[in-house]
Amino acid sequence: MAVYQAVKKYNLSTLNDHCIAYDFDDISDIHYFIVRVREINTDTICKGDYNISFNLFSFKVSRKDYSLLTDKDSKDGVFHPLH
């Protein structure tokens, strides 16, 4: 829920809520949960190719204090705090 709220609060995507999926990975990193935010086109509102799902950006959620880092707008894939 924190990732969804951050996407809204910081205007990280202009896509409709129906057009965004959140893929949660709780085992790939011992310090962070990883959440991939991707575009989906399963709804007529989204108007994209049903067979294509683009990765928009990702979040790292600290297992310790639930703080968020994102790679949104990162040219080299480095995660940074939200501002």
N, C-alpha and C. Protein backbone atom coordinates (compact mmCIF):
# COMPACT_ATOMS: atom_id res chain seq x y z
N MET A 1 0.82 -1.19 0.00
CA MET A 1 0.00 0.00 0.00
C MET A 1 0.87 1.26 0.00
N ALA A 2 2.00 1.22 0.68
CA ALA A 2 2.90 2.38 0.72
C ALA A 2 3.42 2.74 -0.66
N VAL A 3 3.69 1.74 -1.48
CA VAL A 3 4.18 2.00 -2.83
C VAL A 3 3.08 2.68 -3.65
N TYR A 4 1.88 2.16 -3.59
CA TYR A 4 0.75 2.77 -4.30
C TYR A 4 0.58 4.23 -3.86
N GLN A 5 0.63 4.47 -2.58
CA GLN A 5 0.47 5.84 -2.05
C GLN A 5 1.60 6.75 -2.53
N ALA A 6 2.82 6.23 -2.59
CA ALA A 6 3.97 7.02 -3.06
C ALA A 6 3.82 7.37 -4.54
N VAL A 7 3.33 6.43 -5.34
CA VAL A 7 3.12 6.69 -6.77
C VAL A 7 2.14 7.85 -6.93
N LYS A 8 1.09 7.85 -6.12
CA LYS A 8 0.09 8.93 -6.18
C LYS A 8 0.65 10.25 -5.63
N LYS A 9 1.24 10.20 -4.45
CA LYS A 9 1.72 11.41 -3.78
C LYS A 9 2.76 12.16 -4.60
N TYR A 10 3.68 11.42 -5.22
CA TYR A 10 4.79 12.03 -5.96
C TYR A 10 4.52 12.09 -7.47
N ASN A 11 3.28 11.75 -7.87
CA ASN A 11 2.90 11.80 -9.29
C ASN A 11 3.92 11.07 -10.17
N LEU A 12 4.23 9.85 -9.81
CA LEU A 12 5.24 9.08 -10.53
C LEU A 12 4.72 8.48 -11.83
N SER A 13 3.40 8.43 -11.99
CA SER A 13 2.82 7.92 -13.22
C SER A 13 1.53 8.67 -13.52
N THR A 14 1.30 8.88 -14.80
CA THR A 14 0.05 9.52 -15.23
C THR A 14 -0.97 8.49 -15.68
N LEU A 15 -0.60 7.22 -15.62
CA LEU A 15 -1.51 6.17 -16.05
C LEU A 15 -2.67 6.00 -15.07
N ASN A 16 -3.79 5.58 -15.59
CA ASN A 16 -4.96 5.25 -14.79
C ASN A 16 -4.61 4.07 -13.86
N ASP A 17 -5.20 4.02 -12.68
CA ASP A 17 -4.94 2.92 -11.73
C ASP A 17 -5.17 1.55 -12.34
N HIS A 18 -6.13 1.44 -13.25
CA HIS A 18 -6.43 0.16 -13.90
C HIS A 18 -5.30 -0.31 -14.82
N CYS A 19 -4.41 0.59 -15.14
CA CYS A 19 -3.35 0.30 -16.11
C CYS A 19 -1.99 0.07 -15.46
N ILE A 20 -1.98 -0.07 -14.13
CA ILE A 20 -0.73 -0.27 -13.40
C ILE A 20 -0.82 -1.55 -12.57
N ALA A 21 0.25 -2.34 -12.62
CA ALA A 21 0.35 -3.53 -11.79
C ALA A 21 1.57 -3.40 -10.89
N TYR A 22 1.48 -4.01 -9.73
CA TYR A 22 2.56 -3.99 -8.75
C TYR A 22 2.99 -5.43 -8.49
N ASP A 23 4.23 -5.74 -8.83
CA ASP A 23 4.77 -7.08 -8.62
C ASP A 23 5.67 -7.07 -7.39
N PHE A 24 5.27 -7.81 -6.40
CA PHE A 24 5.94 -7.84 -5.10
C PHE A 24 6.89 -9.03 -5.04
N ASP A 25 8.14 -8.77 -4.65
CA ASP A 25 9.14 -9.82 -4.50
C ASP A 25 9.74 -9.70 -3.10
N ASP A 26 9.44 -10.65 -2.26
CA ASP A 26 9.92 -10.56 -0.87
C ASP A 26 11.10 -11.47 -0.57
N ILE A 27 11.70 -12.08 -1.59
CA ILE A 27 12.80 -13.01 -1.31
C ILE A 27 14.13 -12.67 -2.00
N SER A 28 14.15 -11.71 -2.93
CA SER A 28 15.37 -11.50 -3.71
C SER A 28 16.43 -10.65 -3.02
N ASP A 29 16.07 -9.96 -1.96
CA ASP A 29 17.02 -9.08 -1.28
C ASP A 29 16.80 -9.20 0.22
N ILE A 30 17.87 -9.37 0.98
CA ILE A 30 17.71 -9.57 2.43
C ILE A 30 17.40 -8.27 3.18
N HIS A 31 17.67 -7.12 2.57
CA HIS A 31 17.44 -5.84 3.25
C HIS A 31 16.18 -5.13 2.77
N TYR A 32 15.70 -5.48 1.59
CA TYR A 32 14.58 -4.78 0.99
C TYR A 32 13.57 -5.74 0.38
N PHE A 33 12.31 -5.33 0.39
CA PHE A 33 11.30 -5.92 -0.48
C PHE A 33 11.43 -5.18 -1.80
N ILE A 34 11.27 -5.86 -2.90
CA ILE A 34 11.33 -5.22 -4.21
C ILE A 34 9.91 -5.20 -4.78
N VAL A 35 9.50 -4.05 -5.27
CA VAL A 35 8.20 -3.91 -5.91
C VAL A 35 8.41 -3.29 -7.29
N ARG A 36 8.10 -4.06 -8.32
CA ARG A 36 8.15 -3.55 -9.69
C ARG A 36 6.81 -2.93 -10.03
N VAL A 37 6.84 -1.75 -10.60
CA VAL A 37 5.63 -1.09 -11.05
C VAL A 37 5.64 -1.16 -12.58
N ARG A 38 4.57 -1.74 -13.13
CA ARG A 38 4.57 -1.92 -14.58
C ARG A 38 3.22 -1.56 -15.18
N GLU A 39 3.27 -1.24 -16.45
CA GLU A 39 2.07 -0.92 -17.21
C GLU A 39 1.39 -2.21 -17.63
N ILE A 40 0.08 -2.26 -17.50
CA ILE A 40 -0.67 -3.40 -18.02
C ILE A 40 -1.77 -2.88 -18.94
N ASN A 41 -2.19 -3.70 -19.86
CA ASN A 41 -3.18 -3.29 -20.85
C ASN A 41 -4.34 -4.27 -20.91
N THR A 42 -4.81 -4.69 -19.75
CA THR A 42 -5.88 -5.68 -19.70
C THR A 42 -7.26 -5.05 -19.66
N ASP A 43 -7.34 -3.76 -19.63
CA ASP A 43 -8.61 -3.04 -19.53
C ASP A 43 -8.78 -2.17 -20.76
N THR A 44 -9.99 -1.97 -21.22
CA THR A 44 -10.22 -1.12 -22.39
C THR A 44 -9.80 0.32 -22.14
N ILE A 45 -9.72 0.73 -20.90
CA ILE A 45 -9.28 2.08 -20.55
C ILE A 45 -7.81 2.30 -20.92
N CYS A 46 -7.01 1.25 -20.84
CA CYS A 46 -5.56 1.37 -21.03
C CYS A 46 -5.14 1.51 -22.48
N LYS A 47 -5.87 0.93 -23.38
CA LYS A 47 -5.69 1.08 -24.84
C LYS A 47 -4.29 0.74 -25.35
N GLY A 48 -3.65 -0.22 -24.74
CA GLY A 48 -2.35 -0.66 -25.24
C GLY A 48 -2.45 -2.08 -25.77
N ASP A 49 -1.34 -2.63 -26.14
CA ASP A 49 -1.28 -4.00 -26.62
C ASP A 49 -1.42 -4.94 -25.44
N TYR A 50 -2.42 -5.78 -25.47
CA TYR A 50 -2.72 -6.71 -24.39
C TYR A 50 -1.53 -7.63 -24.07
N ASN A 51 -0.70 -7.91 -25.06
CA ASN A 51 0.42 -8.84 -24.89
C ASN A 51 1.70 -8.19 -24.39
N ILE A 52 1.69 -6.88 -24.20
CA ILE A 52 2.90 -6.16 -23.79
C ILE A 52 2.69 -5.52 -22.42
N SER A 53 3.68 -5.67 -21.56
CA SER A 53 3.63 -5.08 -20.22
C SER A 53 5.00 -4.46 -19.94
N PHE A 54 5.07 -3.14 -19.97
CA PHE A 54 6.32 -2.43 -19.77
C PHE A 54 6.61 -2.21 -18.30
N ASN A 55 7.87 -2.44 -17.90
CA ASN A 55 8.31 -2.09 -16.56
C ASN A 55 8.49 -0.57 -16.53
N LEU A 56 7.81 0.10 -15.61
CA LEU A 56 7.91 1.55 -15.52
C LEU A 56 9.06 1.96 -14.61
N PHE A 57 9.10 1.39 -13.42
CA PHE A 57 10.16 1.64 -12.44
C PHE A 57 9.97 0.67 -11.30
N SER A 58 10.89 0.70 -10.36
CA SER A 58 10.83 -0.22 -9.21
C SER A 58 11.03 0.54 -7.91
N PHE A 59 10.63 -0.10 -6.84
CA PHE A 59 10.85 0.41 -5.49
C PHE A 59 11.62 -0.62 -4.69
N LYS A 60 12.41 -0.13 -3.76
CA LYS A 60 12.95 -0.95 -2.70
C LYS A 60 12.29 -0.46 -1.42
N VAL A 61 11.71 -1.39 -0.66
CA VAL A 61 11.06 -1.06 0.60
C VAL A 61 11.89 -1.68 1.71
N SER A 62 12.42 -0.86 2.59
CA SER A 62 13.28 -1.35 3.66
C SER A 62 12.54 -2.33 4.55
N ARG A 63 13.15 -3.47 4.80
CA ARG A 63 12.58 -4.45 5.73
C ARG A 63 12.65 -3.95 7.17
N LYS A 64 13.57 -3.03 7.42
CA LYS A 64 13.79 -2.52 8.77
C LYS A 64 12.77 -1.44 9.17
N ASP A 65 12.63 -0.42 8.32
CA ASP A 65 11.76 0.71 8.70
C ASP A 65 10.72 1.08 7.63
N TYR A 66 10.65 0.28 6.57
CA TYR A 66 9.68 0.46 5.48
C TYR A 66 9.87 1.76 4.70
N SER A 67 11.05 2.36 4.78
CA SER A 67 11.34 3.53 3.95
C SER A 67 11.43 3.09 2.49
N LEU A 68 11.19 4.04 1.59
CA LEU A 68 11.13 3.73 0.16
C LEU A 68 12.28 4.35 -0.61
N LEU A 69 12.79 3.57 -1.54
CA LEU A 69 13.74 4.05 -2.55
C LEU A 69 13.16 3.68 -3.90
N THR A 70 13.45 4.46 -4.93
CA THR A 70 12.96 4.14 -6.27
C THR A 70 14.06 4.36 -7.31
N ASP A 71 13.92 3.67 -8.43
CA ASP A 71 14.82 3.90 -9.55
C ASP A 71 14.15 4.73 -10.64
N LYS A 72 13.01 5.34 -10.31
CA LYS A 72 12.28 6.20 -11.27
C LYS A 72 13.21 7.31 -11.73
N ASP A 73 13.29 7.50 -13.04
CA ASP A 73 14.11 8.53 -13.68
C ASP A 73 15.62 8.33 -13.50
N SER A 74 16.03 7.18 -13.03
CA SER A 74 17.45 6.89 -12.88
C SER A 74 18.00 6.40 -14.22
N LYS A 75 19.05 7.02 -14.68
CA LYS A 75 19.64 6.63 -15.96
C LYS A 75 20.51 5.38 -15.83
N ASP A 76 21.01 5.11 -14.63
CA ASP A 76 21.90 3.98 -14.43
C ASP A 76 21.32 2.91 -13.51
N GLY A 77 20.03 3.00 -13.20
CA GLY A 77 19.38 1.99 -12.38
C GLY A 77 19.62 2.11 -10.88
N VAL A 78 20.25 3.20 -10.46
CA VAL A 78 20.53 3.41 -9.04
C VAL A 78 19.25 3.86 -8.34
N PHE A 79 18.98 3.28 -7.18
CA PHE A 79 17.82 3.65 -6.39
C PHE A 79 18.14 4.89 -5.54
N HIS A 80 17.13 5.74 -5.36
CA HIS A 80 17.29 6.99 -4.62
C HIS A 80 16.04 7.24 -3.79
N PRO A 81 16.16 8.05 -2.72
CA PRO A 81 14.98 8.37 -1.91
C PRO A 81 14.00 9.24 -2.72
N LEU A 82 12.76 9.21 -2.33
CA LEU A 82 11.75 10.06 -2.94
C LEU A 82 11.85 11.47 -2.40
N HIS A 83 11.64 12.45 -3.27
CA HIS A 83 11.68 13.86 -2.85
C HIS A 83 10.39 14.52 -3.24
